[in-house]
Amino acid sequence: MRKYARCIGLLFQVVDDILDVTKSSVELGKTAGKDLASDKATYPKLMGIEGARNFAAKLVAQAIEELAHFDAARAAPLYCLANYIANRQT
């Protein structure tokens, strides 16, 4: 479970960084581009947009892999959470 938690926590940050540079303030409901303006180290800045997207895909796959040895029905909410974080648009 620790690896699952680490993966989805990191996944949330990677996706947040991607959204910050690919969505507008209106779409996000918050100021877009703040990280770039304040020269923060972000995943898209370090890896490029595609690299960050690929990293996010690896993280969600790793998180889901960590759930493989749990009962599928009981782990279903955790699968949903990982996929929600990976695919969120705001």
Protein backbone atom coordinates (compact mmCIF):
# COMPACT_ATOMS: atom_id res chain seq x y z
CA MET A 1 0.00 0.00 0.00
CA ARG A 2 2.89 2.41 0.62
CA LYS A 3 4.04 2.16 -2.97
CA TYR A 4 0.45 2.69 -4.18
CA ALA A 5 0.16 5.79 -1.98
CA ARG A 6 3.52 7.12 -3.15
CA CYS A 7 2.55 6.57 -6.79
CA ILE A 8 -0.81 8.33 -6.59
CA GLY A 9 0.64 11.21 -4.57
CA LEU A 10 3.35 11.76 -7.15
CA LEU A 11 0.83 11.19 -9.95
CA PHE A 12 -1.36 13.97 -8.55
CA GLN A 13 1.58 16.39 -8.62
CA VAL A 14 2.68 15.41 -12.14
CA VAL A 15 -0.86 15.83 -13.49
CA ASP A 16 -1.25 19.13 -11.62
CA ASP A 17 1.98 20.39 -13.20
CA ILE A 18 0.81 19.31 -16.67
CA LEU A 19 -2.57 20.98 -16.25
CA ASP A 20 -0.88 24.18 -15.07
CA VAL A 21 0.80 24.56 -18.47
CA THR A 22 -1.85 23.05 -20.76
CA LYS A 23 -5.11 24.52 -19.45
CA SER A 24 -6.42 28.05 -19.07
CA SER A 25 -7.29 29.74 -15.81
CA VAL A 26 -10.98 29.49 -16.77
CA GLU A 27 -10.70 25.74 -17.37
CA LEU A 28 -8.80 25.15 -14.13
CA GLY A 29 -10.76 27.49 -11.91
CA LYS A 30 -7.46 28.84 -10.61
CA THR A 31 -4.59 30.86 -12.02
CA ALA A 32 -2.83 28.84 -14.70
CA GLY A 33 0.89 29.24 -15.32
CA LYS A 34 1.77 30.26 -11.75
CA ASP A 35 4.53 27.67 -11.52
CA LEU A 36 6.14 28.82 -14.75
CA ALA A 37 5.87 32.48 -13.73
CA SER A 38 7.55 31.79 -10.39
CA ASP A 39 10.23 29.62 -12.07
CA LYS A 40 9.36 26.52 -10.05
CA ALA A 41 10.84 23.16 -10.96
CA THR A 42 7.93 21.23 -12.46
CA TYR A 43 7.72 17.89 -14.22
CA PRO A 44 6.92 19.43 -17.64
CA LYS A 45 9.83 21.84 -17.19
CA LEU A 46 12.20 19.00 -16.29
CA MET A 47 10.89 16.34 -18.70
CA GLY A 48 8.87 18.20 -21.30
CA ILE A 49 5.11 17.76 -21.65
CA GLU A 50 5.32 14.35 -23.33
CA GLY A 51 7.91 13.11 -20.87
CA ALA A 52 5.71 14.20 -17.97
CA ARG A 53 2.68 12.51 -19.57
CA ASN A 54 4.66 9.30 -20.03
CA PHE A 55 5.83 9.47 -16.41
CA ALA A 56 2.21 9.93 -15.28
CA ALA A 57 1.20 6.86 -17.31
CA LYS A 58 3.96 4.82 -15.65
CA LEU A 59 2.89 6.00 -12.20
CA VAL A 60 -0.75 5.04 -12.70
CA ALA A 61 0.33 1.64 -14.07
CA GLN A 62 2.57 1.08 -11.03
CA ALA A 63 -0.20 2.12 -8.64
CA ILE A 64 -2.64 -0.30 -10.26
CA GLU A 65 -0.02 -3.05 -10.28
CA GLU A 66 0.33 -2.64 -6.51
CA LEU A 67 -3.36 -3.52 -6.15
CA ALA A 68 -3.06 -6.79 -8.08
CA HIS A 69 -2.71 -8.97 -4.99
CA PHE A 70 -5.82 -7.52 -3.31
CA ASP A 71 -9.39 -8.72 -3.80
CA ALA A 72 -10.57 -6.87 -6.93
CA ALA A 73 -13.93 -5.88 -5.47
CA ARG A 74 -12.37 -4.45 -2.33
CA ALA A 75 -9.63 -2.67 -4.29
CA ALA A 76 -12.07 -1.20 -6.85
CA PRO A 77 -12.28 2.23 -5.15
CA LEU A 78 -8.48 2.45 -5.22
CA TYR A 79 -8.40 1.58 -8.94
CA CYS A 80 -10.99 4.30 -9.53
CA LEU A 81 -9.00 6.82 -7.50
CA ALA A 82 -5.81 6.16 -9.46
CA ASN A 83 -7.62 6.47 -12.79
CA TYR A 84 -9.47 9.60 -11.68
CA ILE A 85 -6.21 11.30 -10.69
CA ALA A 86 -4.55 10.28 -13.95
CA ASN A 87 -7.42 11.56 -16.11
CA ARG A 88 -8.57 14.66 -14.24
CA GLN A 89 -8.93 17.82 -16.28
CA THR A 90 -9.07 20.42 -13.51
